[in-house]
């Protein structure tokens, strides 16, 4: 309340001219006996009107400040809801729906490389070290991708231990080289205890010309991913 009062006292007086008229009337009231009674009544009414008007203005100012604070909070909540609707809560990566939307928009404008990767033998990680350790592995993989790729790519978690990378403007050869960098970076990544061994990933890559659909792009990358798994895992395969 003190802060509000200080703000109100620092604000310009919207009734300065009325106050001046009131002061002049008060001076006349003190010096002229003939008009004393009438002027006294006028002063009483005017003072009451001025007090009530000021009180209403102060209430309006407080209401406006509260409304501004409420609008700001609503905007923050809307931003949080929008983020939660498009991001994976565990890793902060894009969720499947957001990946589909982003890739589909890019494919309407330019060529796109879609990389799909799957952590090898992830069930064994959960069974051996527990689900919290498995969650830590997933988080570490996303951090690894973010540090390696920066802002140039859209990183998504499209399944339990399956991730995607969407990057426009690359050739098929560049996409395969990028996928190999990703595979090597994941294999070299250190994981928190109790994970004591390297975690690897199998990677599938599809190059997709502008105008392709996401379903086509994902189907090709997914087929390449399964070839990588059948080839012994911890490797990269490019779609036909």
Protein backbone atom coordinates (compact mmCIF):
# COMPACT_ATOMS: atom_id res chain seq x y z
CA UNK A 1 0.00 0.00 0.00
CA UNK A 2 2.89 2.39 0.72
CA UNK A 3 4.25 1.84 -2.79
CA UNK A 4 0.83 2.56 -4.30
CA UNK A 5 0.46 5.71 -2.20
CA UNK A 6 3.91 6.88 -3.27
CA UNK A 7 3.03 6.38 -6.92
CA UNK A 8 -0.24 8.26 -6.43
CA UNK A 9 1.48 11.19 -4.68
CA UNK A 10 4.07 11.48 -7.45
CA UNK A 11 1.40 11.59 -10.17
CA UNK A 12 0.42 15.00 -11.61
CA UNK A 13 -2.67 16.58 -9.97
CA UNK A 14 -5.48 16.44 -12.51
CA UNK A 15 -7.50 18.92 -10.43
CA UNK A 16 -4.94 21.68 -10.01
CA UNK A 17 -7.24 24.32 -11.51
CA UNK A 18 -10.15 23.20 -9.35
CA UNK A 19 -7.92 23.34 -6.31
CA UNK A 20 -6.87 26.85 -7.25
CA UNK A 21 -10.53 27.88 -7.54
CA UNK A 22 -11.22 26.31 -4.20
CA UNK A 23 -8.34 28.18 -2.61
CA UNK A 24 -9.58 31.45 -4.10
CA UNK A 25 -13.10 30.79 -2.82
CA UNK A 26 -11.72 29.99 0.60
CA UNK A 27 -9.84 33.29 0.60
CA UNK A 28 -13.00 35.15 -0.42
CA UNK A 29 -14.95 33.33 2.26
CA UNK A 30 -12.51 34.49 4.89
CA UNK A 31 -12.61 38.14 3.78
CA UNK A 32 -16.21 38.87 2.78
CA UNK A 33 -18.89 38.50 5.46
CA UNK A 34 -21.83 39.23 3.14
CA UNK A 35 -21.16 36.20 0.99
CA UNK A 36 -19.93 34.06 3.83
CA UNK A 37 -22.88 31.69 4.21
CA UNK A 38 -23.46 31.03 0.52
CA UNK A 39 -19.78 30.73 -0.20
CA UNK A 40 -19.34 28.42 2.77
CA UNK A 41 -21.97 26.03 1.41
CA UNK A 42 -20.35 26.17 -2.00
CA UNK A 43 -17.00 25.31 -0.44
CA UNK A 44 -18.44 22.33 1.43
CA UNK A 45 -20.10 20.90 -1.68
CA UNK A 46 -17.09 21.59 -3.87
CA UNK A 47 -14.65 20.04 -1.40
CA UNK A 48 -16.81 16.92 -1.12
CA UNK A 49 -17.08 16.67 -4.91
CA UNK A 50 -13.33 17.10 -5.30
CA UNK A 51 -12.57 14.44 -2.68
CA UNK A 52 -14.94 11.94 -4.27
CA UNK A 53 -13.63 12.62 -7.76
CA UNK A 54 -10.04 12.16 -6.65
CA UNK A 55 -10.97 8.92 -4.90
CA UNK A 56 -12.62 7.64 -8.07
CA UNK A 57 -9.59 8.57 -10.17
CA UNK A 58 -7.27 6.76 -7.74
CA UNK A 59 -9.49 3.68 -7.85
CA UNK A 60 -9.48 3.81 -11.64
CA UNK A 61 -5.68 4.09 -11.69
CA UNK A 62 -5.33 1.10 -9.37
CA UNK A 63 -7.80 -0.89 -11.45
CA UNK A 64 -5.87 -0.05 -14.61
CA UNK A 65 -2.56 -1.11 -13.04
CA UNK A 66 -4.11 -4.34 -11.82
CA UNK A 67 -5.58 -4.98 -15.26
CA UNK A 68 -2.20 -4.40 -16.90
CA UNK A 69 -0.57 -6.84 -14.48
CA UNK A 70 -3.31 -9.38 -15.16
CA UNK A 71 -2.88 -9.03 -18.93
CA UNK A 72 0.86 -9.51 -18.55
CA UNK A 73 0.32 -12.66 -16.51
CA UNK A 74 -2.17 -13.99 -19.06
CA UNK A 75 0.36 -13.44 -21.83
CA UNK A 76 2.98 -15.34 -19.83
CA UNK A 77 0.56 -18.20 -19.24
CA UNK A 78 -0.38 -18.28 -22.93
CA UNK A 79 3.32 -18.48 -23.86
CA UNK A 80 3.85 -21.30 -21.38
CA UNK A 81 0.87 -23.23 -22.72
CA UNK A 82 2.05 -22.75 -26.30
CA UNK A 83 5.52 -24.01 -25.36
CA UNK A 84 4.14 -27.04 -23.53
CA UNK A 85 1.89 -27.86 -26.48
CA UNK A 86 4.87 -28.04 -28.86
CA UNK A 87 7.76 -29.33 -26.70
CA UNK A 88 8.66 -32.55 -24.96
CA UNK A 89 8.49 -32.02 -21.18
CA UNK A 90 11.51 -34.24 -20.41
CA UNK A 91 14.02 -32.79 -22.87
CA UNK A 92 12.65 -29.48 -24.16
CA UNK A 93 12.95 -30.78 -27.73
CA UNK A 94 10.06 -30.39 -30.15
CA UNK A 95 7.37 -33.02 -29.76
CA UNK A 96 6.14 -35.17 -32.65
CA UNK A 97 3.30 -32.84 -33.66
CA UNK A 98 5.63 -29.84 -33.74
CA UNK A 99 8.21 -31.74 -35.81
CA UNK A 100 5.55 -32.69 -38.34
CA UNK A 101 4.30 -29.11 -38.57
CA UNK A 102 7.80 -27.63 -38.89
CA UNK A 103 9.00 -30.13 -41.47
CA UNK A 104 5.80 -29.83 -43.50
CA UNK A 105 6.16 -26.05 -43.69
CA UNK A 106 9.79 -26.33 -44.80
CA UNK A 107 9.00 -28.95 -47.42
CA UNK A 108 6.58 -26.56 -49.11
CA UNK A 109 9.45 -24.10 -49.64
CA UNK A 110 12.73 -25.99 -50.08
CA UNK A 111 14.59 -29.29 -50.03
CA UNK A 112 14.83 -30.90 -46.60
CA UNK A 113 17.03 -33.52 -44.96
CA UNK A 114 15.22 -35.55 -42.31
CA UNK A 115 17.35 -37.57 -39.90
CA UNK A 116 15.74 -40.16 -37.63
CA UNK A 117 17.81 -41.81 -34.90
CA UNK A 118 17.07 -44.43 -32.31
CA UNK A 119 19.11 -45.22 -29.17
CA UNK A 120 20.50 -48.73 -29.47
CA UNK A 121 19.35 -51.31 -26.90
CA UNK A 122 17.61 -48.66 -24.84
CA UNK A 123 15.43 -51.25 -23.08
CA UNK A 124 18.59 -52.78 -21.67
CA UNK A 125 19.55 -49.39 -20.24
CA UNK A 126 16.22 -49.13 -18.46
CA UNK A 127 16.29 -52.75 -17.28
CA UNK A 128 19.89 -52.58 -16.05
CA UNK A 129 20.10 -49.09 -14.56
CA UNK A 130 16.47 -48.08 -14.00
CA UNK A 131 14.12 -45.64 -15.69
CA UNK A 132 15.62 -42.50 -14.07
CA UNK A 133 18.95 -43.42 -15.64
CA UNK A 134 17.15 -43.99 -18.94
CA UNK A 135 15.60 -40.52 -18.71
CA UNK A 136 19.07 -39.09 -18.03
CA UNK A 137 20.38 -40.80 -21.18
CA UNK A 138 17.55 -39.29 -23.25
CA UNK A 139 18.27 -35.82 -21.84
CA UNK A 140 21.99 -36.22 -22.51
CA UNK A 141 21.36 -37.21 -26.12
CA UNK A 142 19.21 -34.12 -26.73
CA UNK A 143 21.83 -31.89 -25.08
CA UNK A 144 24.46 -33.49 -27.32
CA UNK A 145 22.36 -32.77 -30.42
CA UNK A 146 21.72 -29.19 -29.34
CA UNK A 147 25.39 -28.48 -28.70
CA UNK A 148 26.43 -30.10 -31.97
CA UNK A 149 23.80 -28.57 -34.25
CA UNK A 150 23.06 -25.20 -32.64
CA UNK A 151 20.19 -23.21 -34.09
CA UNK A 152 20.56 -24.53 -37.62
CA UNK A 153 18.35 -27.57 -37.11
CA UNK A 154 15.03 -28.45 -35.51
CA UNK A 155 15.50 -31.24 -32.98
CA UNK A 156 12.55 -33.35 -31.94
CA UNK A 157 11.71 -36.29 -29.74
CA UNK A 158 9.25 -38.31 -31.79
CA UNK A 159 9.08 -41.43 -29.64
CA UNK A 160 10.36 -42.90 -26.39
CA UNK A 161 14.01 -43.19 -27.49
CA UNK A 162 13.58 -41.97 -31.06
CA UNK A 163 14.62 -38.51 -32.19
CA UNK A 164 14.58 -36.49 -35.38
CA UNK A 165 16.59 -33.69 -36.91
CA UNK A 166 15.11 -31.48 -39.62
CA UNK A 167 17.50 -29.35 -41.68
CA UNK A 168 16.73 -27.54 -44.92
CA UNK A 169 19.06 -26.63 -47.77
CA UNK A 170 21.39 -29.64 -47.51
CA UNK A 171 22.26 -32.12 -50.23
CA UNK A 172 21.87 -35.84 -49.66
CA UNK A 173 25.64 -36.17 -49.22
CA UNK A 174 25.72 -33.34 -46.69
CA UNK A 175 22.82 -34.92 -44.85
CA UNK A 176 24.65 -38.23 -44.59
CA UNK A 177 27.81 -36.51 -43.32
CA UNK A 178 25.74 -34.64 -40.74
CA UNK A 179 24.14 -37.89 -39.61
CA UNK A 180 27.58 -39.46 -39.21
CA UNK A 181 28.68 -36.52 -37.04
CA UNK A 182 25.58 -37.03 -34.91
CA UNK A 183 26.22 -40.76 -34.55
CA UNK A 184 29.86 -40.21 -33.55
CA UNK A 185 28.99 -37.44 -31.09
CA UNK A 186 26.41 -39.63 -29.34
CA UNK A 187 28.84 -42.54 -29.10
CA UNK A 188 31.51 -40.26 -27.58
CA UNK A 189 29.13 -38.67 -25.09
CA UNK A 190 29.75 -39.29 -21.40
CA UNK A 191 26.70 -40.14 -19.32
CA UNK A 192 26.09 -39.62 -15.61
CA UNK A 193 26.39 -42.51 -13.17
CA UNK A 194 25.41 -45.28 -13.08
CA UNK A 195 25.87 -45.44 -16.88
CA UNK A 196 29.43 -46.64 -17.32
CA UNK A 197 29.45 -47.68 -20.98
CA UNK A 198 28.98 -45.80 -24.27
CA UNK A 199 25.46 -45.31 -25.57
CA UNK A 200 25.11 -45.55 -29.33
CA UNK A 201 22.41 -44.77 -31.87
CA UNK A 202 21.32 -46.06 -35.25
CA UNK A 203 20.58 -43.33 -37.78
CA UNK A 204 18.45 -43.14 -40.92
CA UNK A 205 18.58 -40.23 -43.38
CA UNK A 206 16.27 -39.13 -46.17
CA UNK A 207 16.81 -36.30 -48.61
CA UNK A 208 13.49 -34.84 -49.77
CA UNK A 209 12.84 -32.48 -52.65
CA UNK A 210 10.63 -29.48 -52.19
CA UNK A 211 6.98 -30.47 -52.45
CA UNK A 212 7.42 -33.81 -50.71
CA UNK A 213 5.09 -34.59 -47.83
CA UNK A 214 6.26 -35.26 -44.31
CA UNK A 215 4.84 -38.77 -44.52
CA UNK A 216 7.05 -39.49 -47.54
CA UNK A 217 10.11 -37.98 -45.88
CA UNK A 218 9.58 -39.85 -42.62
CA UNK A 219 8.83 -43.16 -44.33
CA UNK A 220 12.11 -43.00 -46.27
CA UNK A 221 14.14 -42.02 -43.19
CA UNK A 222 12.45 -44.71 -41.09
CA UNK A 223 13.22 -47.41 -43.68
CA UNK A 224 16.86 -46.25 -43.68
CA UNK A 225 16.88 -46.39 -39.87
CA UNK A 226 15.74 -50.03 -39.87
CA UNK A 227 18.44 -50.88 -42.41
CA UNK A 228 20.95 -49.35 -40.01
CA UNK A 229 19.62 -51.52 -37.20
CA UNK A 230 19.75 -54.65 -39.36
CA UNK A 231 23.31 -53.73 -40.34
CA UNK A 232 24.53 -54.04 -36.76
CA UNK A 233 23.37 -50.73 -35.22
CA UNK A 234 25.56 -47.72 -34.39
CA UNK A 235 25.72 -46.81 -38.06
CA UNK A 236 24.14 -44.48 -40.64
CA UNK A 237 22.07 -45.45 -43.65
CA UNK A 238 20.78 -43.12 -46.38
CA UNK A 239 17.43 -43.81 -47.98
CA UNK A 240 17.28 -44.81 -51.64
